[in-house]
Amino acid sequence: MPPKARSPKIVADLPLHLCDDHVLTEPQVCVLVGFSPDTLHRLHRNGEGPVRTQLSERRHGYRLGEIRRWLDARSAA
């Protein structure tokens, strides 16, 4: 059986060649912005988190471009 894929633990584990349309998982977003999953959930519930993309009925992700725009908006505020 092949080894199970692991979630990135540091930003260096994320590929550098990603375009804005690349969809990141929640663990990847948490690593990228330095938030815990609980903080990301709380921001989303309060309407303050990055825009999520619905991938299927039970799965969502985050487009890298949306994460970048969200970070830019937070740093400008």
PDB file of N, CA and C in Angstrom:
ATOM      1  N   MET A   1       0.841  -1.173   0.000  1.00  0.00           N
ATOM      2  CA  MET A   1       0.000   0.000   0.000  1.00  0.00           C
ATOM      3  C   MET A   1       0.889   1.240   0.000  1.00  0.00           C
ATOM      4  N   PRO A   2       0.591   2.255  -0.869  1.00  0.00           N
ATOM      5  CA  PRO A   2       1.422   3.460  -0.921  1.00  0.00           C
ATOM      6  C   PRO A   2       1.255   4.273   0.353  1.00  0.00           C
ATOM      7  N   PRO A   3       2.275   5.064   0.699  1.00  0.00           N
ATOM      8  CA  PRO A   3       2.166   5.879   1.915  1.00  0.00           C
ATOM      9  C   PRO A   3       1.061   6.931   1.761  1.00  0.00           C
ATOM     10  N   LYS A   4       0.410   7.224   2.863  1.00  0.00           N
ATOM     11  CA  LYS A   4      -0.667   8.203   2.864  1.00  0.00           C
ATOM     12  C   LYS A   4      -0.092   9.601   2.687  1.00  0.00           C
ATOM     13  N   ALA A   5      -0.735  10.418   1.838  1.00  0.00           N
ATOM     14  CA  ALA A   5      -0.277  11.793   1.633  1.00  0.00           C
ATOM     15  C   ALA A   5      -0.464  12.569   2.927  1.00  0.00           C
ATOM     16  N   ARG A   6       0.490  13.393   3.254  1.00  0.00           N
ATOM     17  CA  ARG A   6       0.400  14.168   4.482  1.00  0.00           C
ATOM     18  C   ARG A   6       0.055  15.618   4.159  1.00  0.00           C
ATOM     19  N   SER A   7      -0.550  16.270   5.099  1.00  0.00           N
ATOM     20  CA  SER A   7      -0.839  17.692   4.956  1.00  0.00           C
ATOM     21  C   SER A   7       0.444  18.465   5.178  1.00  0.00           C
ATOM     22  N   PRO A   8       0.605  19.585   4.468  1.00  0.00           N
ATOM     23  CA  PRO A   8       1.819  20.374   4.675  1.00  0.00           C
ATOM     24  C   PRO A   8       1.841  20.936   6.089  1.00  0.00           C
ATOM     25  N   LYS A   9       3.006  20.997   6.675  1.00  0.00           N
ATOM     26  CA  LYS A   9       3.164  21.527   8.030  1.00  0.00           C
ATOM     27  C   LYS A   9       3.814  22.907   8.019  1.00  0.00           C
ATOM     28  N   ILE A  10       4.526  23.207   6.944  1.00  0.00           N
ATOM     29  CA  ILE A  10       5.148  24.512   6.809  1.00  0.00           C
ATOM     30  C   ILE A  10       4.920  25.018   5.392  1.00  0.00           C
ATOM     31  N   VAL A  11       5.041  26.327   5.218  1.00  0.00           N
ATOM     32  CA  VAL A  11       4.791  26.922   3.900  1.00  0.00           C
ATOM     33  C   VAL A  11       5.750  26.356   2.860  1.00  0.00           C
ATOM     34  N   ALA A  12       6.954  25.997   3.255  1.00  0.00           N
ATOM     35  CA  ALA A  12       7.930  25.457   2.309  1.00  0.00           C
ATOM     36  C   ALA A  12       7.456  24.158   1.682  1.00  0.00           C
ATOM     37  N   ASP A  13       6.501  23.473   2.309  1.00  0.00           N
ATOM     38  CA  ASP A  13       5.978  22.228   1.743  1.00  0.00           C
ATOM     39  C   ASP A  13       5.001  22.474   0.598  1.00  0.00           C
ATOM     40  N   LEU A  14       4.524  23.718   0.433  1.00  0.00           N
ATOM     41  CA  LEU A  14       3.579  24.025  -0.634  1.00  0.00           C
ATOM     42  C   LEU A  14       4.341  24.280  -1.930  1.00  0.00           C
ATOM     43  N   PRO A  15       3.818  23.822  -3.069  1.00  0.00           N
ATOM     44  CA  PRO A  15       4.487  24.089  -4.350  1.00  0.00           C
ATOM     45  C   PRO A  15       4.547  25.591  -4.624  1.00  0.00           C
ATOM     46  N   LEU A  16       5.641  26.041  -5.207  1.00  0.00           N
ATOM     47  CA  LEU A  16       5.839  27.472  -5.452  1.00  0.00           C
ATOM     48  C   LEU A  16       5.236  27.946  -6.771  1.00  0.00           C
ATOM     49  N   HIS A  17       4.942  27.053  -7.663  1.00  0.00           N
ATOM     50  CA  HIS A  17       4.529  27.400  -9.008  1.00  0.00           C
ATOM     51  C   HIS A  17       2.994  27.460  -9.170  1.00  0.00           C
ATOM     52  N   LEU A  18       2.272  27.768  -8.145  1.00  0.00           N
ATOM     53  CA  LEU A  18       0.816  27.732  -8.204  1.00  0.00           C
ATOM     54  C   LEU A  18       0.248  29.017  -8.804  1.00  0.00           C
ATOM     55  N   CYS A  19      -0.774  28.868  -9.648  1.00  0.00           N
ATOM     56  CA  CYS A  19      -1.452  30.030 -10.217  1.00  0.00           C
ATOM     57  C   CYS A  19      -2.641  30.394  -9.325  1.00  0.00           C
ATOM     58  N   ASP A  20      -3.251  31.544  -9.589  1.00  0.00           N
ATOM     59  CA  ASP A  20      -4.359  32.032  -8.766  1.00  0.00           C
ATOM     60  C   ASP A  20      -5.565  31.102  -8.775  1.00  0.00           C
ATOM     61  N   ASP A  21      -5.741  30.291  -9.813  1.00  0.00           N
ATOM     62  CA  ASP A  21      -6.886  29.388  -9.894  1.00  0.00           C
ATOM     63  C   ASP A  21      -6.671  28.073  -9.154  1.00  0.00           C
ATOM     64  N   HIS A  22      -5.476  27.837  -8.656  1.00  0.00           N
ATOM     65  CA  HIS A  22      -5.192  26.596  -7.932  1.00  0.00           C
ATOM     66  C   HIS A  22      -6.019  26.575  -6.646  1.00  0.00           C
ATOM     67  N   VAL A  23      -6.646  25.440  -6.368  1.00  0.00           N
ATOM     68  CA  VAL A  23      -7.485  25.299  -5.181  1.00  0.00           C
ATOM     69  C   VAL A  23      -6.678  24.650  -4.063  1.00  0.00           C
ATOM     70  N   LEU A  24      -6.677  25.318  -2.908  1.00  0.00           N
ATOM     71  CA  LEU A  24      -5.978  24.822  -1.725  1.00  0.00           C
ATOM     72  C   LEU A  24      -6.969  24.189  -0.763  1.00  0.00           C
ATOM     73  N   THR A  25      -6.506  23.219  -0.013  1.00  0.00           N
ATOM     74  CA  THR A  25      -7.328  22.615   1.028  1.00  0.00           C
ATOM     75  C   THR A  25      -7.283  23.501   2.269  1.00  0.00           C
ATOM     76  N   GLU A  26      -8.176  23.231   3.204  1.00  0.00           N
ATOM     77  CA  GLU A  26      -8.175  23.997   4.447  1.00  0.00           C
ATOM     78  C   GLU A  26      -6.846  23.874   5.205  1.00  0.00           C
ATOM     79  N   PRO A  27      -6.274  22.658   5.346  1.00  0.00           N
ATOM     80  CA  PRO A  27      -4.973  22.584   6.031  1.00  0.00           C
ATOM     81  C   PRO A  27      -3.884  23.397   5.328  1.00  0.00           C
ATOM     82  N   GLN A  28      -3.904  23.414   3.999  1.00  0.00           N
ATOM     83  CA  GLN A  28      -2.915  24.205   3.267  1.00  0.00           C
ATOM     84  C   GLN A  28      -3.105  25.696   3.536  1.00  0.00           C
ATOM     85  N   VAL A  29      -4.355  26.152   3.572  1.00  0.00           N
ATOM     86  CA  VAL A  29      -4.633  27.563   3.843  1.00  0.00           C
ATOM     87  C   VAL A  29      -4.173  27.917   5.253  1.00  0.00           C
ATOM     88  N   CYS A  30      -4.445  27.054   6.210  1.00  0.00           N
ATOM     89  CA  CYS A  30      -4.027  27.305   7.590  1.00  0.00           C
ATOM     90  C   CYS A  30      -2.513  27.459   7.677  1.00  0.00           C
ATOM     91  N   VAL A  31      -1.785  26.605   6.979  1.00  0.00           N
ATOM     92  CA  VAL A  31      -0.324  26.703   6.970  1.00  0.00           C
ATOM     93  C   VAL A  31       0.106  28.002   6.301  1.00  0.00           C
ATOM     94  N   LEU A  32      -0.514  28.329   5.190  1.00  0.00           N
ATOM     95  CA  LEU A  32      -0.125  29.506   4.420  1.00  0.00           C
ATOM     96  C   LEU A  32      -0.327  30.801   5.199  1.00  0.00           C
ATOM     97  N   VAL A  33      -1.449  30.931   5.892  1.00  0.00           N
ATOM     98  CA  VAL A  33      -1.740  32.190   6.595  1.00  0.00           C
ATOM     99  C   VAL A  33      -1.367  32.143   8.071  1.00  0.00           C
ATOM    100  N   GLY A  34      -1.017  30.970   8.587  1.00  0.00           N
ATOM    101  CA  GLY A  34      -0.599  30.859   9.972  1.00  0.00           C
ATOM    102  C   GLY A  34      -1.732  30.842  10.974  1.00  0.00           C
ATOM    103  N   PHE A  35      -2.914  30.382  10.546  1.00  0.00           N
ATOM    104  CA  PHE A  35      -4.078  30.289  11.425  1.00  0.00           C
ATOM    105  C   PHE A  35      -4.342  28.838  11.786  1.00  0.00           C
ATOM    106  N   SER A  36      -4.995  28.647  12.913  1.00  0.00           N
ATOM    107  CA  SER A  36      -5.483  27.320  13.247  1.00  0.00           C
ATOM    108  C   SER A  36      -6.778  27.079  12.475  1.00  0.00           C
ATOM    109  N   PRO A  37      -7.184  25.827  12.318  1.00  0.00           N
ATOM    110  CA  PRO A  37      -8.470  25.553  11.661  1.00  0.00           C
ATOM    111  C   PRO A  37      -9.636  26.225  12.389  1.00  0.00           C
ATOM    112  N   ASP A  38      -9.584  26.275  13.714  1.00  0.00           N
ATOM    113  CA  ASP A  38     -10.661  26.935  14.471  1.00  0.00           C
ATOM    114  C   ASP A  38     -10.762  28.414  14.131  1.00  0.00           C
ATOM    115  N   THR A  39      -9.630  29.083  14.003  1.00  0.00           N
ATOM    116  CA  THR A  39      -9.636  30.507  13.650  1.00  0.00           C
ATOM    117  C   THR A  39     -10.191  30.698  12.253  1.00  0.00           C
ATOM    118  N   LEU A  40      -9.799  29.867  11.312  1.00  0.00           N
ATOM    119  CA  LEU A  40     -10.307  29.974   9.947  1.00  0.00           C
ATOM    120  C   LEU A  40     -11.820  29.752   9.921  1.00  0.00           C
ATOM    121  N   HIS A  41     -12.317  28.771  10.678  1.00  0.00           N
ATOM    122  CA  HIS A  41     -13.766  28.522  10.753  1.00  0.00           C
ATOM    123  C   HIS A  41     -14.495  29.715  11.352  1.00  0.00           C
ATOM    124  N   ARG A  42     -13.936  30.278  12.421  1.00  0.00           N
ATOM    125  CA  ARG A  42     -14.574  31.426  13.078  1.00  0.00           C
ATOM    126  C   ARG A  42     -14.644  32.620  12.132  1.00  0.00           C
ATOM    127  N   LEU A  43     -13.571  32.888  11.425  1.00  0.00           N
ATOM    128  CA  LEU A  43     -13.573  33.997  10.465  1.00  0.00           C
ATOM    129  C   LEU A  43     -14.624  33.776   9.380  1.00  0.00           C
ATOM    130  N   HIS A  44     -14.720  32.542   8.913  1.00  0.00           N
ATOM    131  CA  HIS A  44     -15.700  32.234   7.871  1.00  0.00           C
ATOM    132  C   HIS A  44     -17.133  32.419   8.396  1.00  0.00           C
ATOM    133  N   ARG A  45     -17.413  31.931   9.603  1.00  0.00           N
ATOM    134  CA  ARG A  45     -18.747  32.086  10.204  1.00  0.00           C
ATOM    135  C   ARG A  45     -19.125  33.552  10.368  1.00  0.00           C
ATOM    136  N   ASN A  46     -18.129  34.387  10.687  1.00  0.00           N
ATOM    137  CA  ASN A  46     -18.380  35.816  10.891  1.00  0.00           C
ATOM    138  C   ASN A  46     -18.354  36.615   9.598  1.00  0.00           C
ATOM    139  N   GLY A  47     -18.158  35.936   8.469  1.00  0.00           N
ATOM    140  CA  GLY A  47     -18.113  36.624   7.180  1.00  0.00           C
ATOM    141  C   GLY A  47     -16.834  37.395   6.958  1.00  0.00           C
ATOM    142  N   GLU A  48     -15.776  37.070   7.694  1.00  0.00           N
ATOM    143  CA  GLU A  48     -14.511  37.795   7.598  1.00  0.00           C
ATOM    144  C   GLU A  48     -13.403  36.969   6.958  1.00  0.00           C
ATOM    145  N   GLY A  49     -13.674  35.709   6.658  1.00  0.00           N
ATOM    146  CA  GLY A  49     -12.652  34.821   6.115  1.00  0.00           C
ATOM    147  C   GLY A  49     -12.556  34.916   4.604  1.00  0.00           C
ATOM    148  N   PRO A  50     -11.583  34.224   4.038  1.00  0.00           N
ATOM    149  CA  PRO A  50     -11.445  34.206   2.580  1.00  0.00           C
ATOM    150  C   PRO A  50     -12.623  33.469   1.935  1.00  0.00           C
ATOM    151  N   VAL A  51     -12.898  33.806   0.697  1.00  0.00           N
ATOM    152  CA  VAL A  51     -14.001  33.188  -0.042  1.00  0.00           C
ATOM    153  C   VAL A  51     -13.695  31.718  -0.280  1.00  0.00           C
ATOM    154  N   ARG A  52     -14.672  30.859   0.039  1.00  0.00           N
ATOM    155  CA  ARG A  52     -14.522  29.422  -0.198  1.00  0.00           C
ATOM    156  C   ARG A  52     -15.176  29.056  -1.525  1.00  0.00           C
ATOM    157  N   THR A  53     -14.654  28.016  -2.148  1.00  0.00           N
ATOM    158  CA  THR A  53     -15.201  27.477  -3.389  1.00  0.00           C
ATOM    159  C   THR A  53     -15.793  26.112  -3.085  1.00  0.00           C
ATOM    160  N   GLN A  54     -17.071  25.935  -3.416  1.00  0.00           N
ATOM    161  CA  GLN A  54     -17.733  24.649  -3.196  1.00  0.00           C
ATOM    162  C   GLN A  54     -17.281  23.683  -4.282  1.00  0.00           C
ATOM    163  N   LEU A  55     -16.644  22.597  -3.888  1.00  0.00           N
ATOM    164  CA  LEU A  55     -16.118  21.624  -4.842  1.00  0.00           C
ATOM    165  C   LEU A  55     -17.094  20.474  -5.079  1.00  0.00           C
ATOM    166  N   SER A  56     -17.832  20.124  -4.058  1.00  0.00           N
ATOM    167  CA  SER A  56     -18.861  19.095  -4.155  1.00  0.00           C
ATOM    168  C   SER A  56     -19.840  19.350  -3.019  1.00  0.00           C
ATOM    169  N   GLU A  57     -20.777  18.458  -2.849  1.00  0.00           N
ATOM    170  CA  GLU A  57     -21.784  18.657  -1.806  1.00  0.00           C
ATOM    171  C   GLU A  57     -21.164  18.808  -0.413  1.00  0.00           C
ATOM    172  N   ARG A  58     -20.099  18.057  -0.147  1.00  0.00           N
ATOM    173  CA  ARG A  58     -19.517  18.057   1.200  1.00  0.00           C
ATOM    174  C   ARG A  58     -18.080  18.561   1.260  1.00  0.00           C
ATOM    175  N   ARG A  59     -17.577  19.096   0.166  1.00  0.00           N
ATOM    176  CA  ARG A  59     -16.167  19.515   0.139  1.00  0.00           C
ATOM    177  C   ARG A  59     -16.037  20.920  -0.428  1.00  0.00           C
ATOM    178  N   HIS A  60     -15.158  21.691   0.187  1.00  0.00           N
ATOM    179  CA  HIS A  60     -14.869  23.024  -0.312  1.00  0.00           C
ATOM    180  C   HIS A  60     -13.357  23.244  -0.286  1.00  0.00           C
ATOM    181  N   GLY A  61     -12.937  24.258  -0.994  1.00  0.00           N
ATOM    182  CA  GLY A  61     -11.521  24.614  -1.045  1.00  0.00           C
ATOM    183  C   GLY A  61     -11.405  26.119  -1.164  1.00  0.00           C
ATOM    184  N   TYR A  62     -10.202  26.583  -1.305  1.00  0.00           N
ATOM    185  CA  TYR A  62      -9.925  28.016  -1.385  1.00  0.00           C
ATOM    186  C   TYR A  62      -9.020  28.268  -2.578  1.00  0.00           C
ATOM    187  N   ARG A  63      -9.447  29.140  -3.485  1.00  0.00           N
ATOM    188  CA  ARG A  63      -8.592  29.498  -4.624  1.00  0.00           C
ATOM    189  C   ARG A  63      -7.458  30.385  -4.117  1.00  0.00           C
ATOM    190  N   LEU A  64      -6.265  30.117  -4.590  1.00  0.00           N
ATOM    191  CA  LEU A  64      -5.098  30.857  -4.133  1.00  0.00           C
ATOM    192  C   LEU A  64      -5.255  32.358  -4.391  1.00  0.00           C
ATOM    193  N   GLY A  65      -5.839  32.718  -5.521  1.00  0.00           N
ATOM    194  CA  GLY A  65      -6.052  34.131  -5.826  1.00  0.00           C
ATOM    195  C   GLY A  65      -6.956  34.811  -4.811  1.00  0.00           C
ATOM    196  N   GLU A  66      -7.975  34.088  -4.332  1.00  0.00           N
ATOM    197  CA  GLU A  66      -8.871  34.644  -3.304  1.00  0.00           C
ATOM    198  C   GLU A  66      -8.131  34.825  -1.986  1.00  0.00           C
ATOM    199  N   ILE A  67      -7.262  33.887  -1.663  1.00  0.00           N
ATOM    200  CA  ILE A  67      -6.456  34.011  -0.446  1.00  0.00           C
ATOM    201  C   ILE A  67      -5.556  35.241  -0.540  1.00  0.00           C
ATOM    202  N   ARG A  68      -4.922  35.428  -1.682  1.00  0.00           N
ATOM    203  CA  ARG A  68      -4.037  36.591  -1.871  1.00  0.00           C
ATOM    204  C   ARG A  68      -4.816  37.894  -1.750  1.00  0.00           C
ATOM    205  N   ARG A  69      -5.992  37.977  -2.401  1.00  0.00           N
ATOM    206  CA  ARG A  69      -6.810  39.200  -2.325  1.00  0.00           C
ATOM    207  C   ARG A  69      -7.278  39.454  -0.892  1.00  0.00           C
ATOM    208  N   TRP A  70      -7.671  38.386  -0.191  1.00  0.00           N
ATOM    209  CA  TRP A  70      -8.130  38.512   1.192  1.00  0.00           C
ATOM    210  C   TRP A  70      -6.998  39.028   2.079  1.00  0.00           C
ATOM    211  N   LEU A  71      -5.799  38.482   1.906  1.00  0.00           N
ATOM    212  CA  LEU A  71      -4.650  38.943   2.690  1.00  0.00           C
ATOM    213  C   LEU A  71      -4.321  40.398   2.384  1.00  0.00           C
ATOM    214  N   ASP A  72      -4.375  40.769   1.113  1.00  0.00           N
ATOM    215  CA  ASP A  72      -4.114  42.166   0.733  1.00  0.00           C
ATOM    216  C   ASP A  72      -5.117  43.103   1.368  1.00  0.00           C
ATOM    217  N   ALA A  73      -6.401  42.713   1.375  1.00  0.00           N
ATOM    218  CA  ALA A  73      -7.442  43.546   1.963  1.00  0.00           C
ATOM    219  C   ALA A  73      -7.243  43.672   3.471  1.00  0.00           C
ATOM    220  N   ARG A  74      -6.828  42.593   4.120  1.00  0.00           N
ATOM    221  CA  ARG A  74      -6.609  42.637   5.578  1.00  0.00           C
ATOM    222  C   ARG A  74      -5.408  43.517   5.928  1.00  0.00           C
ATOM    223  N   SER A  75      -4.379  43.499   5.084  1.00  0.00           N
ATOM    224  CA  SER A  75      -3.198  44.312   5.380  1.00  0.00           C
ATOM    225  C   SER A  75      -3.458  45.796   5.097  1.00  0.00           C
ATOM    226  N   ALA A  76      -4.430  46.083   4.213  1.00  0.00           N
ATOM    227  CA  ALA A  76      -4.746  47.472   3.896  1.00  0.00           C
ATOM    228  C   ALA A  76      -5.689  48.084   4.930  1.00  0.00           C
ATOM    229  N   ALA A  77      -6.378  47.242   5.684  1.00  0.00           N
ATOM    230  CA  ALA A  77      -7.360  47.754   6.660  1.00  0.00           C
ATOM    231  C   ALA A  77      -6.710  48.280   7.913  1.00  0.00           C
TER     232      ALA A  77
END
